[in-house]
Each structure stands twice: as C-alpha cells, then as structure tokens.
Amino acid sequence: MKIGVIGAGRIARSEYFPMLSGMTDVQVCVMCAHADKAWQVCAEYGFSATAATLEELLDFAPDMVILLTPKQVRSLYLDVLLEKRIPVFCEKPLAMTLKECRHIVQLVQDTGTPLAVGFNRRYAAPVLDARAAFGRVCPELVVCEKYKENLDYRATLENAIHMIDLMRFVCGECDKVEAQARLATDAMHESLCTAQLSFENGSVGLLSTSRCAGAWAERIAMIGRDGDGNHVTAEIIMPLQLRIWRNGRLVEEKTYTAQDSGFIQGVEAFRASLNGQCIVHNTAMDAYKTELLVDQILKAAELPDLETEEA
C-alpha cells in the first residue's frame, strides 16, 4: 500500500512515523513544505519519497493519506483529497468550525470516499478492556480527567475533545450539558473547563480539564453495575495502567505498552476497512457529532463556540 503523509510535526514524529516505519507492506511519501526536513524524515525512518506540494504527493498516487497538518488548515487538503476520492485518515479535530465539519461530511457522502478521524482512545487497549468489564451494560458514571501544563489555543477543542469523544463512544448520545470554564489570557485560551453530561441512556459523564497543571496527566474511571448486577469500578491511568474492582475486590490489574495506545490499531482498522475487512466507527459523521457536543459544552461554559470560531 502506498501511503502519503501530510505534515511532519510533533504528532507525526512521536506516533505516526515510528508506526509506519515498522510496517513492511507500505511505501511512504512525506509531504512537507521544507525539503530538507522531509528528506531528514525519510533518512531517519526509511521512507521512500518526499513531496513539497500536494500536486507532487498526488503524483505519488497514494492509496490513502494520513493528514497531520495544523487543525486550522486541514479542510484545504481534505477538499482536494476527497474530490479525488483518496481515502483519508485525519488527525483530530476534523475541523475548527461546525460549518467546516458539515462541508466535509457532505463531501464524504457525495464522493463516497472513506474518511476516519484519529480518536485513538476508541482503539486503546485499556479503554476497551475497561468497557468490556461491564459486558453489555453501559457504566452509570464515566469520569474523564485530562490535565496539561501549557495553555493551548482552544484547548477544549484541541485536547479535551479526546475525553468528550470517549464519553460518547462509551455512553452514546448526550441530551443535557452543564459546564463552566476559567480564562487565562483571553476567551480563546481557557485554562479550565469542566462539564457534567447527561446521556440518553441514563449514564452521566464528568469532564475535568485544566491547562495550569504541573504535568500532563490523563485518568478515566468507569463505574456502575455489570450485566450480572455486580458493582464495578474500572480505573485507567493513561496510557499504561488499568485496575478493575468488582464488589469491593481488586480482580484485575494490567500494564500496557505504548503499542496499545490506539494509534496503530486505529490506522490498521482504517486500512482493513478499505479492503472491506472491517467497519470503522470513527467516521466523519461520528466526528461531527463529537464536535457538536464540544460546541454544546463551549456554549454552556460561556466560551466562544465553534460558530464563533468561524468569525
């Protein structure tokens, strides 16, 4: 398979390039505006080709493209790739505004081009194992904490969206949102955002995020009864640890590797879906629904919403 990668920034180097270099059945072309940087990446990871423009990448004739550009400019590339019916695996978030999301979803529907969004927690082994501890029953409470030490632009959209999408993945659709936020320098740089989400199935989600933390941390707890009526707590310290209690007793304790964090699994699932071997659930439409929920949280917290972002 010929895979084009657009972007060579932090997420590309930390997750995607090491992953692709370990695949023996792919050819990789890296598109980067700086030729020296692109060739450096090829030499470091053993890739075969570089491109300085989208036209050069298209000449490579990729079977799929992994889009890792800054979120503000992704739609510029998506328009061309989808029109040319090239399958795309796109980093989150899909877009910066709901209008852009709707446009991309419409393009996917009109062209029939596969698109998946990189919500890797949906494929992370500790998350899947924690969810499996409840069987067919949904946890009554899902608590997601995500803390960082720097103030991102639109932090809730950029970073907390992982936790918001995870709660949708586990609990389904949300019908009530309460939230609050604190600002650091301006309304586009929230330092804190918390939310209580009520889901249609009766589950409750609690979101706790801060950008004034001393260090990065991510914790997830799923609490409730399993299919047999047992009281269950599944506690995840991302990305490596899971502990499960049942009726007050620790019944499972697992440690994972970086290979279990969901990045590889998400890309491999998308590759398999192109051959009809599986169906992915992190589609453009599903990503749009997650961004709708992000928009509700921003509105409830009195932060600029995703329509304000358009202005």
Protein backbone atom coordinates (compact mmCIF):
# COMPACT_ATOMS: atom_id res chain seq x y z
CA MET A 1 0.00 0.00 0.00
CA LYS A 2 1.22 3.50 -0.88
CA ILE A 3 0.61 5.93 1.97
CA GLY A 4 1.04 9.69 1.76
CA VAL A 5 1.64 11.65 4.96
CA ILE A 6 0.97 15.39 5.02
CA GLY A 7 2.76 17.06 7.90
CA ALA A 8 5.95 16.31 9.83
CA GLY A 9 5.34 17.95 13.19
CA ARG A 10 5.28 16.66 16.76
CA ILE A 11 2.43 14.14 16.45
CA ALA A 12 3.89 12.77 13.21
CA ARG A 13 7.28 12.18 14.81
CA SER A 14 6.02 10.86 18.14
CA GLU A 15 3.35 8.46 16.84
CA TYR A 16 2.86 8.08 13.10
CA PHE A 17 6.38 7.94 11.66
CA PRO A 18 7.58 5.25 14.10
CA MET A 19 4.39 3.29 13.38
CA LEU A 20 4.76 3.49 9.61
CA SER A 21 8.46 2.61 9.73
CA GLY A 22 7.51 -0.68 11.37
CA MET A 23 5.12 -1.66 8.56
CA THR A 24 6.78 -3.88 5.98
CA ASP A 25 3.97 -3.74 3.43
CA VAL A 26 3.83 0.02 2.75
CA GLN A 27 5.61 2.70 0.75
CA VAL A 28 5.53 6.13 2.38
CA CYS A 29 5.77 9.60 0.83
CA VAL A 30 6.14 12.51 3.26
CA MET A 31 4.82 15.90 2.20
CA CYS A 32 6.47 18.83 3.96
CA ALA A 33 6.99 22.43 2.86
CA HIS A 34 10.66 22.22 3.83
CA ALA A 35 12.54 19.78 1.55
CA ASP A 36 15.46 19.35 3.96
CA LYS A 37 13.11 18.35 6.76
CA ALA A 38 11.26 15.88 4.53
CA TRP A 39 14.49 14.17 3.43
CA GLN A 40 15.69 14.07 7.03
CA VAL A 41 12.47 12.24 7.97
CA CYS A 42 12.95 9.77 5.10
CA ALA A 43 16.52 9.05 6.14
CA GLU A 44 15.56 8.62 9.78
CA TYR A 45 12.57 6.33 9.25
CA GLY A 46 13.45 4.62 5.98
CA PHE A 47 10.70 6.12 3.83
CA SER A 48 10.97 6.17 0.05
CA ALA A 49 9.75 9.55 -1.20
CA THR A 50 9.07 13.19 -0.37
CA ALA A 51 6.76 15.86 -1.77
CA ALA A 52 6.87 19.63 -1.41
CA THR A 53 3.36 20.26 -2.75
CA LEU A 54 0.03 18.46 -2.84
CA GLU A 55 0.44 18.02 -6.60
CA GLU A 56 3.72 16.14 -6.04
CA LEU A 57 2.05 13.95 -3.43
CA LEU A 58 -0.76 13.14 -5.86
CA ASP A 59 1.86 12.14 -8.45
CA PHE A 60 2.96 9.50 -5.91
CA ALA A 61 -0.57 8.01 -6.42
CA PRO A 62 -1.27 7.20 -2.74
CA ASP A 63 -3.81 4.54 -1.82
CA MET A 64 -4.54 6.55 1.32
CA VAL A 65 -3.33 9.74 3.01
CA ILE A 66 -2.67 10.43 6.69
CA LEU A 67 -3.39 14.12 7.29
CA LEU A 68 -1.40 15.61 10.19
CA THR A 69 -1.33 19.33 9.41
CA PRO A 70 -2.32 22.01 11.95
CA LYS A 71 -6.07 21.85 12.50
CA GLN A 72 -6.68 25.32 11.07
CA VAL A 73 -5.71 24.27 7.51
CA ARG A 74 -6.89 20.66 7.23
CA SER A 75 -10.00 21.47 5.25
CA LEU A 76 -7.85 22.91 2.44
CA TYR A 77 -6.30 19.49 1.87
CA LEU A 78 -9.45 17.49 2.58
CA ASP A 79 -11.37 19.23 -0.19
CA VAL A 80 -8.86 18.12 -2.82
CA LEU A 81 -8.26 14.62 -1.47
CA LEU A 82 -11.95 13.80 -1.10
CA GLU A 83 -12.81 15.20 -4.53
CA LYS A 84 -10.13 12.91 -5.96
CA ARG A 85 -11.58 10.02 -3.94
CA ILE A 86 -8.41 9.32 -1.98
CA PRO A 87 -9.17 7.75 1.44
CA VAL A 88 -8.02 9.93 4.34
CA PHE A 89 -7.08 9.20 7.95
CA CYS A 90 -7.24 12.64 9.59
CA GLU A 91 -5.93 13.69 12.99
CA LYS A 92 -8.47 15.20 15.35
CA PRO A 93 -10.28 17.52 15.39
CA LEU A 94 -11.83 17.14 11.96
CA ALA A 95 -12.24 20.92 11.61
CA MET A 96 -12.31 24.14 13.60
CA THR A 97 -15.95 25.01 12.93
CA LEU A 98 -19.24 23.16 12.61
CA LYS A 99 -19.68 24.68 9.16
CA GLU A 100 -16.40 23.10 8.02
CA CYS A 101 -17.44 19.79 9.58
CA ARG A 102 -20.73 19.79 7.73
CA HIS A 103 -18.94 20.60 4.49
CA ILE A 104 -16.52 17.70 4.95
CA VAL A 105 -19.29 15.27 5.89
CA GLN A 106 -21.21 16.30 2.77
CA LEU A 107 -18.12 15.76 0.60
CA VAL A 108 -17.62 12.29 2.10
CA GLN A 109 -21.24 11.44 1.35
CA ASP A 110 -21.19 12.90 -2.16
CA THR A 111 -17.93 11.24 -3.22
CA GLY A 112 -18.23 8.02 -1.21
CA THR A 113 -14.63 8.49 -0.08
CA PRO A 114 -13.66 6.78 3.20
CA LEU A 115 -12.50 9.13 5.97
CA ALA A 116 -11.60 8.30 9.56
CA VAL A 117 -10.63 10.65 12.39
CA GLY A 118 -7.81 9.87 14.82
CA PHE A 119 -9.67 9.43 18.09
CA ASN A 120 -7.15 6.85 19.26
CA ARG A 121 -8.75 6.31 22.69
CA ARG A 122 -11.51 4.38 20.91
CA TYR A 123 -8.87 1.80 19.97
CA ALA A 124 -6.70 1.98 23.11
CA ALA A 125 -6.47 -1.41 24.86
CA PRO A 126 -7.03 -0.11 28.43
CA VAL A 127 -10.20 1.73 27.36
CA LEU A 128 -11.59 -1.30 25.53
CA ASP A 129 -10.73 -3.61 28.43
CA ALA A 130 -12.37 -1.25 30.92
CA ARG A 131 -15.52 -1.06 28.81
CA ALA A 132 -15.59 -4.85 28.46
CA ALA A 133 -15.68 -5.21 32.27
CA PHE A 134 -19.34 -4.11 32.15
CA GLY A 135 -20.41 -6.54 29.44
CA ARG A 136 -23.45 -5.33 27.52
CA VAL A 137 -24.36 -2.80 30.23
CA CYS A 138 -23.19 0.80 29.98
CA PRO A 139 -21.38 2.26 33.02
CA GLU A 140 -23.58 4.54 35.09
CA LEU A 141 -20.77 7.06 35.53
CA VAL A 142 -17.75 7.89 33.35
CA VAL A 143 -15.23 10.35 34.79
CA CYS A 144 -12.58 11.75 32.43
CA GLU A 145 -9.72 13.91 33.67
CA LYS A 146 -7.16 15.48 31.35
CA TYR A 147 -4.53 17.94 32.52
CA LYS A 148 -1.67 19.71 30.75
CA GLU A 149 0.99 22.19 31.70
CA ASN A 150 0.58 24.63 28.80
CA LEU A 151 -2.20 26.87 27.52
CA ASP A 152 -3.29 25.63 24.10
CA TYR A 153 -5.34 27.71 21.71
CA ARG A 154 -8.92 26.34 22.00
CA ALA A 155 -7.76 23.71 24.49
CA THR A 156 -11.18 22.09 24.84
CA LEU A 157 -11.47 21.63 21.08
CA GLU A 158 -7.84 20.60 20.61
CA ASN A 159 -7.22 18.35 23.60
CA ALA A 160 -10.25 17.71 25.80
CA ILE A 161 -12.09 16.55 22.67
CA HIS A 162 -10.43 13.16 23.19
CA MET A 163 -12.25 12.75 26.51
CA ILE A 164 -15.53 14.10 25.13
CA ASP A 165 -15.37 11.65 22.23
CA LEU A 166 -14.52 8.80 24.61
CA MET A 167 -17.64 9.50 26.68
CA ARG A 168 -19.76 9.48 23.51
CA PHE A 169 -18.10 6.23 22.44
CA VAL A 170 -18.92 4.57 25.78
CA CYS A 171 -22.28 6.17 26.64
CA GLY A 172 -23.90 7.17 23.35
CA GLU A 173 -25.57 10.50 22.67
CA CYS A 174 -25.88 13.32 25.19
CA ASP A 175 -29.12 15.21 25.89
CA LYS A 176 -28.11 17.67 28.65
CA VAL A 177 -24.93 19.67 29.25
CA GLU A 178 -23.79 21.77 32.21
CA ALA A 179 -20.33 23.34 32.14
CA GLN A 180 -18.07 26.08 33.44
CA ALA A 181 -14.70 27.49 32.45
CA ARG A 182 -11.94 29.83 33.54
CA LEU A 183 -9.91 32.06 31.23
CA ALA A 184 -6.17 32.63 31.23
CA THR A 185 -5.35 35.41 28.77
CA ASP A 186 -8.45 35.58 26.59
CA ALA A 187 -11.59 33.63 25.70
CA MET A 188 -9.69 31.54 23.13
CA HIS A 189 -7.25 30.28 25.79
CA GLU A 190 -9.35 28.69 28.50
CA SER A 191 -7.27 27.48 31.43
CA LEU A 192 -10.02 25.25 32.84
CA CYS A 193 -13.18 23.59 31.59
CA THR A 194 -15.43 21.19 33.48
CA ALA A 195 -18.72 19.65 32.39
CA GLN A 196 -21.46 17.30 33.55
CA LEU A 197 -23.08 15.40 30.70
CA SER A 198 -26.36 13.51 30.89
CA PHE A 199 -26.74 10.81 28.24
CA GLU A 200 -29.91 9.49 26.67
CA ASN A 201 -29.37 6.03 28.21
CA GLY A 202 -29.24 7.47 31.75
CA SER A 203 -25.45 7.47 32.14
CA VAL A 204 -23.62 10.53 33.45
CA GLY A 205 -20.25 11.80 32.29
CA LEU A 206 -17.96 14.15 34.21
CA LEU A 207 -15.26 16.07 32.36
CA SER A 208 -12.42 17.74 34.26
CA THR A 209 -9.67 19.58 32.37
CA SER A 210 -7.05 22.14 33.31
CA ARG A 211 -4.19 23.77 31.41
CA CYS A 212 -2.47 25.07 34.56
CA ALA A 213 -1.31 21.65 35.76
CA GLY A 214 2.24 20.90 36.84
CA ALA A 215 2.44 17.99 34.41
CA TRP A 216 0.45 16.06 31.79
CA ALA A 217 -2.00 13.56 33.28
CA GLU A 218 -4.98 11.61 31.97
CA ARG A 219 -7.25 9.44 34.10
CA ILE A 220 -10.52 7.70 33.27
CA ALA A 221 -12.92 5.92 35.61
CA MET A 222 -15.96 3.84 34.62
CA ILE A 223 -18.32 2.99 37.46
CA GLY A 224 -21.59 1.05 37.68
CA ARG A 225 -23.11 -2.43 37.60
CA ASP A 226 -22.14 -5.11 35.12
CA GLY A 227 -24.57 -7.41 33.31
CA ASP A 228 -24.76 -9.69 36.37
CA GLY A 229 -25.52 -6.86 38.80
CA ASN A 230 -22.04 -6.69 40.33
CA HIS A 231 -20.67 -3.31 41.38
CA VAL A 232 -17.73 -2.50 39.12
CA THR A 233 -15.06 0.21 39.00
CA ALA A 234 -12.58 0.29 36.14
CA GLU A 235 -9.81 2.85 36.63
CA ILE A 236 -7.41 3.80 33.84
CA ILE A 237 -4.24 5.83 34.17
CA MET A 238 -3.47 6.51 30.53
CA PRO A 239 -1.81 5.13 28.62
CA LEU A 240 -0.38 2.19 30.55
CA GLN A 241 -2.40 1.07 33.58
CA LEU A 242 -5.82 -0.45 34.29
CA ARG A 243 -7.29 -1.69 37.56
CA ILE A 244 -10.72 -3.30 37.88
CA TRP A 245 -12.61 -3.80 41.13
CA ARG A 246 -15.73 -5.94 41.46
CA ASN A 247 -17.83 -5.84 44.64
CA GLY A 248 -15.03 -4.17 46.59
CA ARG A 249 -12.28 -6.57 45.50
CA LEU A 250 -9.44 -5.88 43.06
CA VAL A 251 -9.91 -8.54 40.40
CA GLU A 252 -7.61 -7.37 37.61
CA GLU A 253 -4.52 -5.20 37.28
CA LYS A 254 -2.89 -4.76 33.87
CA THR A 255 0.06 -2.83 32.48
CA TYR A 256 0.23 -2.00 28.79
CA THR A 257 2.89 -0.82 26.35
CA ALA A 258 2.96 2.22 24.10
CA GLN A 259 1.89 -0.09 21.27
CA ASP A 260 -1.52 -0.43 22.99
CA SER A 261 -2.39 3.27 22.97
CA GLY A 262 -4.68 3.01 19.92
CA PHE A 263 -2.69 4.86 17.25
CA ILE A 264 -1.54 1.73 15.43
CA GLN A 265 -4.87 0.00 15.93
CA GLY A 266 -6.82 2.96 14.52
CA VAL A 267 -4.71 3.18 11.36
CA GLU A 268 -4.71 -0.60 10.85
CA ALA A 269 -8.50 -0.72 11.26
CA PHE A 270 -8.85 2.00 8.62
CA ARG A 271 -6.53 0.14 6.26
CA ALA A 272 -8.55 -3.05 6.77
CA SER A 273 -11.80 -1.18 6.14
CA LEU A 274 -10.55 -0.12 2.71
CA ASN A 275 -10.44 -3.81 1.78
CA GLY A 276 -13.86 -4.47 3.31
CA GLN A 277 -12.36 -6.45 6.20
CA CYS A 278 -13.95 -4.35 8.95
CA ILE A 279 -16.15 -1.31 9.54
CA VAL A 280 -14.67 1.68 11.37
CA HIS A 281 -16.73 3.75 13.79
CA ASN A 282 -14.57 6.92 13.89
CA THR A 283 -16.08 8.28 10.68
CA ALA A 284 -16.54 11.88 9.55
CA MET A 285 -20.18 11.83 10.66
CA ASP A 286 -19.27 10.49 14.09
CA ALA A 287 -16.52 13.11 14.45
CA TYR A 288 -19.09 15.76 13.55
CA LYS A 289 -21.36 14.52 16.35
CA THR A 290 -18.46 14.78 18.80
CA GLU A 291 -17.78 18.36 17.67
CA LEU A 292 -21.48 19.16 18.13
CA LEU A 293 -21.11 18.03 21.76
CA VAL A 294 -17.92 20.10 22.12
CA ASP A 295 -19.90 23.08 20.83
CA GLN A 296 -22.62 22.47 23.44
CA ILE A 297 -20.00 22.35 26.20
CA LEU A 298 -18.37 25.57 25.00
CA LYS A 299 -21.75 27.32 24.91
CA ALA A 300 -22.69 26.07 28.40
CA ALA A 301 -19.31 27.23 29.74
CA GLU A 302 -19.80 30.64 28.09
CA LEU A 303 -16.74 30.15 25.90
CA PRO A 304 -16.62 31.10 22.20
CA ASP A 305 -18.39 28.26 20.40
CA LEU A 306 -17.49 26.64 17.11
CA GLU A 307 -19.63 29.03 15.11
CA THR A 308 -17.89 31.99 16.76
CA GLU A 309 -14.61 30.43 15.67
CA GLU A 310 -15.71 30.91 12.06
CA ALA A 311 -15.74 34.69 12.57
